[in-house]
Amino acid sequence: ALGIAKSIGENKVYIYLRYLALRFGKPSTEDAQTIIVNNAPTLKDIAHYNDIHPNNVVTFFNELKRKGVISKNKDRLIVHSMDLLEKEIADLKK
């Protein structure tokens, strides 16, 4: 059952990150695929908004970070590739 809860949580977090990028992000001047969200919510906030344990959000975030999809620098969220983020979301549905 843990697998199902994990994928639901992951799905929520990934979709929320996509929402932040689309709604509040600005394309990087160097690369249109790279979206920068200034004053992004903390991972703790993201956990709270999505009703997911903060540790799980950190795990999901680090998974995306490890794959080079996303990174965070203080209050700046960087989606390095919207295509890769979309692919990760699609892969969760399989």
C-alpha atoms as a PDB file:
ATOM      1  CA  ALA A   1       0.000   0.000   0.000  1.00  0.00           C
ATOM      2  CA  LEU A   2       2.987   2.273   0.585  1.00  0.00           C
ATOM      3  CA  GLY A   3       3.708   2.290  -3.157  1.00  0.00           C
ATOM      4  CA  ILE A   4       0.250   3.664  -3.937  1.00  0.00           C
ATOM      5  CA  ALA A   5       0.457   6.385  -1.280  1.00  0.00           C
ATOM      6  CA  LYS A   6       3.933   7.306  -2.513  1.00  0.00           C
ATOM      7  CA  SER A   7       2.839   7.619  -6.134  1.00  0.00           C
ATOM      8  CA  ILE A   8      -0.229   9.700  -5.180  1.00  0.00           C
ATOM      9  CA  GLY A   9       1.985  11.988  -3.098  1.00  0.00           C
ATOM     10  CA  GLU A  10       4.608  12.168  -5.808  1.00  0.00           C
ATOM     11  CA  ASN A  11       1.972  12.942  -8.403  1.00  0.00           C
ATOM     12  CA  LYS A  12       0.558  15.768  -6.255  1.00  0.00           C
ATOM     13  CA  VAL A  13       3.992  17.277  -5.663  1.00  0.00           C
ATOM     14  CA  TYR A  14       5.126  17.017  -9.293  1.00  0.00           C
ATOM     15  CA  ILE A  15       1.864  18.549 -10.536  1.00  0.00           C
ATOM     16  CA  TYR A  16       2.129  21.312  -7.933  1.00  0.00           C
ATOM     17  CA  LEU A  17       5.710  22.065  -9.057  1.00  0.00           C
ATOM     18  CA  ARG A  18       4.480  22.221 -12.666  1.00  0.00           C
ATOM     19  CA  TYR A  19       1.676  24.582 -11.556  1.00  0.00           C
ATOM     20  CA  LEU A  20       4.189  26.856  -9.793  1.00  0.00           C
ATOM     21  CA  ALA A  21       6.393  26.940 -12.888  1.00  0.00           C
ATOM     22  CA  LEU A  22       3.526  27.668 -15.289  1.00  0.00           C
ATOM     23  CA  ARG A  23       1.753  30.167 -13.059  1.00  0.00           C
ATOM     24  CA  PHE A  24       4.642  32.063 -11.444  1.00  0.00           C
ATOM     25  CA  GLY A  25       7.734  31.077 -13.401  1.00  0.00           C
ATOM     26  CA  LYS A  26       9.651  33.066 -15.972  1.00  0.00           C
ATOM     27  CA  PRO A  27      11.698  31.410 -18.729  1.00  0.00           C
ATOM     28  CA  SER A  28      15.448  31.761 -18.278  1.00  0.00           C
ATOM     29  CA  THR A  29      17.151  34.150 -20.697  1.00  0.00           C
ATOM     30  CA  GLU A  30      19.650  31.420 -21.657  1.00  0.00           C
ATOM     31  CA  ASP A  31      17.144  28.614 -22.175  1.00  0.00           C
ATOM     32  CA  ALA A  32      13.363  28.769 -22.689  1.00  0.00           C
ATOM     33  CA  GLN A  33      13.017  25.213 -21.306  1.00  0.00           C
ATOM     34  CA  THR A  34      14.394  26.444 -17.979  1.00  0.00           C
ATOM     35  CA  ILE A  35      11.758  28.092 -15.807  1.00  0.00           C
ATOM     36  CA  ILE A  36      12.690  30.159 -12.769  1.00  0.00           C
ATOM     37  CA  VAL A  37      10.213  30.758  -9.947  1.00  0.00           C
ATOM     38  CA  ASN A  38      11.305  33.525  -7.584  1.00  0.00           C
ATOM     39  CA  ASN A  39       9.910  33.637  -4.026  1.00  0.00           C
ATOM     40  CA  ALA A  40       8.914  29.984  -4.370  1.00  0.00           C
ATOM     41  CA  PRO A  41       7.291  28.283  -1.382  1.00  0.00           C
ATOM     42  CA  THR A  42       9.527  26.194   0.843  1.00  0.00           C
ATOM     43  CA  LEU A  43       9.362  22.407   0.619  1.00  0.00           C
ATOM     44  CA  LYS A  44       7.625  22.536   4.008  1.00  0.00           C
ATOM     45  CA  ASP A  45       4.964  24.851   2.523  1.00  0.00           C
ATOM     46  CA  ILE A  46       4.551  22.544  -0.470  1.00  0.00           C
ATOM     47  CA  ALA A  47       4.055  19.635   1.946  1.00  0.00           C
ATOM     48  CA  HIS A  48       1.468  21.639   3.881  1.00  0.00           C
ATOM     49  CA  TYR A  49      -0.480  22.756   0.772  1.00  0.00           C
ATOM     50  CA  ASN A  50      -0.636  19.194  -0.532  1.00  0.00           C
ATOM     51  CA  ASP A  51      -1.222  17.525   2.835  1.00  0.00           C
ATOM     52  CA  ILE A  52       1.891  15.361   2.484  1.00  0.00           C
ATOM     53  CA  HIS A  53       4.547  14.676   5.112  1.00  0.00           C
ATOM     54  CA  PRO A  54       7.488  17.109   4.647  1.00  0.00           C
ATOM     55  CA  ASN A  55       9.995  14.216   4.619  1.00  0.00           C
ATOM     56  CA  ASN A  56       8.177  12.725   1.633  1.00  0.00           C
ATOM     57  CA  VAL A  57       8.235  16.030  -0.226  1.00  0.00           C
ATOM     58  CA  VAL A  58      12.000  16.243   0.368  1.00  0.00           C
ATOM     59  CA  THR A  59      12.361  12.690  -0.991  1.00  0.00           C
ATOM     60  CA  PHE A  60      10.297  13.457  -4.126  1.00  0.00           C
ATOM     61  CA  PHE A  61      12.143  16.732  -4.654  1.00  0.00           C
ATOM     62  CA  ASN A  62      15.547  15.066  -4.285  1.00  0.00           C
ATOM     63  CA  GLU A  63      14.521  12.411  -6.800  1.00  0.00           C
ATOM     64  CA  LEU A  64      13.773  15.129  -9.372  1.00  0.00           C
ATOM     65  CA  LYS A  65      16.945  16.974  -8.402  1.00  0.00           C
ATOM     66  CA  ARG A  66      19.031  13.817  -8.871  1.00  0.00           C
ATOM     67  CA  LYS A  67      17.582  13.441 -12.372  1.00  0.00           C
ATOM     68  CA  GLY A  68      18.486  17.057 -13.175  1.00  0.00           C
ATOM     69  CA  VAL A  69      14.857  18.123 -13.572  1.00  0.00           C
ATOM     70  CA  ILE A  70      14.724  20.696 -10.806  1.00  0.00           C
ATOM     71  CA  SER A  71      16.788  22.532  -8.223  1.00  0.00           C
ATOM     72  CA  LYS A  72      16.302  25.102  -5.503  1.00  0.00           C
ATOM     73  CA  ASN A  73      18.470  27.996  -4.452  1.00  0.00           C
ATOM     74  CA  LYS A  74      17.161  29.686  -1.297  1.00  0.00           C
ATOM     75  CA  ASP A  75      13.688  30.962  -2.342  1.00  0.00           C
ATOM     76  CA  ARG A  76      14.275  30.354  -6.048  1.00  0.00           C
ATOM     77  CA  LEU A  77      12.907  27.227  -7.678  1.00  0.00           C
ATOM     78  CA  ILE A  78      14.465  26.235 -10.988  1.00  0.00           C
ATOM     79  CA  VAL A  79      12.812  23.769 -13.354  1.00  0.00           C
ATOM     80  CA  HIS A  80      15.687  22.902 -15.703  1.00  0.00           C
ATOM     81  CA  SER A  81      13.407  21.249 -18.242  1.00  0.00           C
ATOM     82  CA  MET A  82       9.627  21.506 -18.408  1.00  0.00           C
ATOM     83  CA  ASP A  83       9.694  18.599 -20.887  1.00  0.00           C
ATOM     84  CA  LEU A  84      11.489  16.391 -18.356  1.00  0.00           C
ATOM     85  CA  LEU A  85       9.039  17.410 -15.622  1.00  0.00           C
ATOM     86  CA  GLU A  86       6.110  16.561 -17.935  1.00  0.00           C
ATOM     87  CA  LYS A  87       7.768  13.213 -18.685  1.00  0.00           C
ATOM     88  CA  GLU A  88       8.157  12.457 -14.964  1.00  0.00           C
ATOM     89  CA  ILE A  89       4.450  13.249 -14.421  1.00  0.00           C
ATOM     90  CA  ALA A  90       3.468  11.037 -17.362  1.00  0.00           C
ATOM     91  CA  ASP A  91       5.699   8.208 -16.093  1.00  0.00           C
ATOM     92  CA  LEU A  92       3.927   8.227 -12.716  1.00  0.00           C
ATOM     93  CA  LYS A  93       0.631   7.459 -14.464  1.00  0.00           C
ATOM     94  CA  LYS A  94       1.982   4.266 -16.012  1.00  0.00           C
END
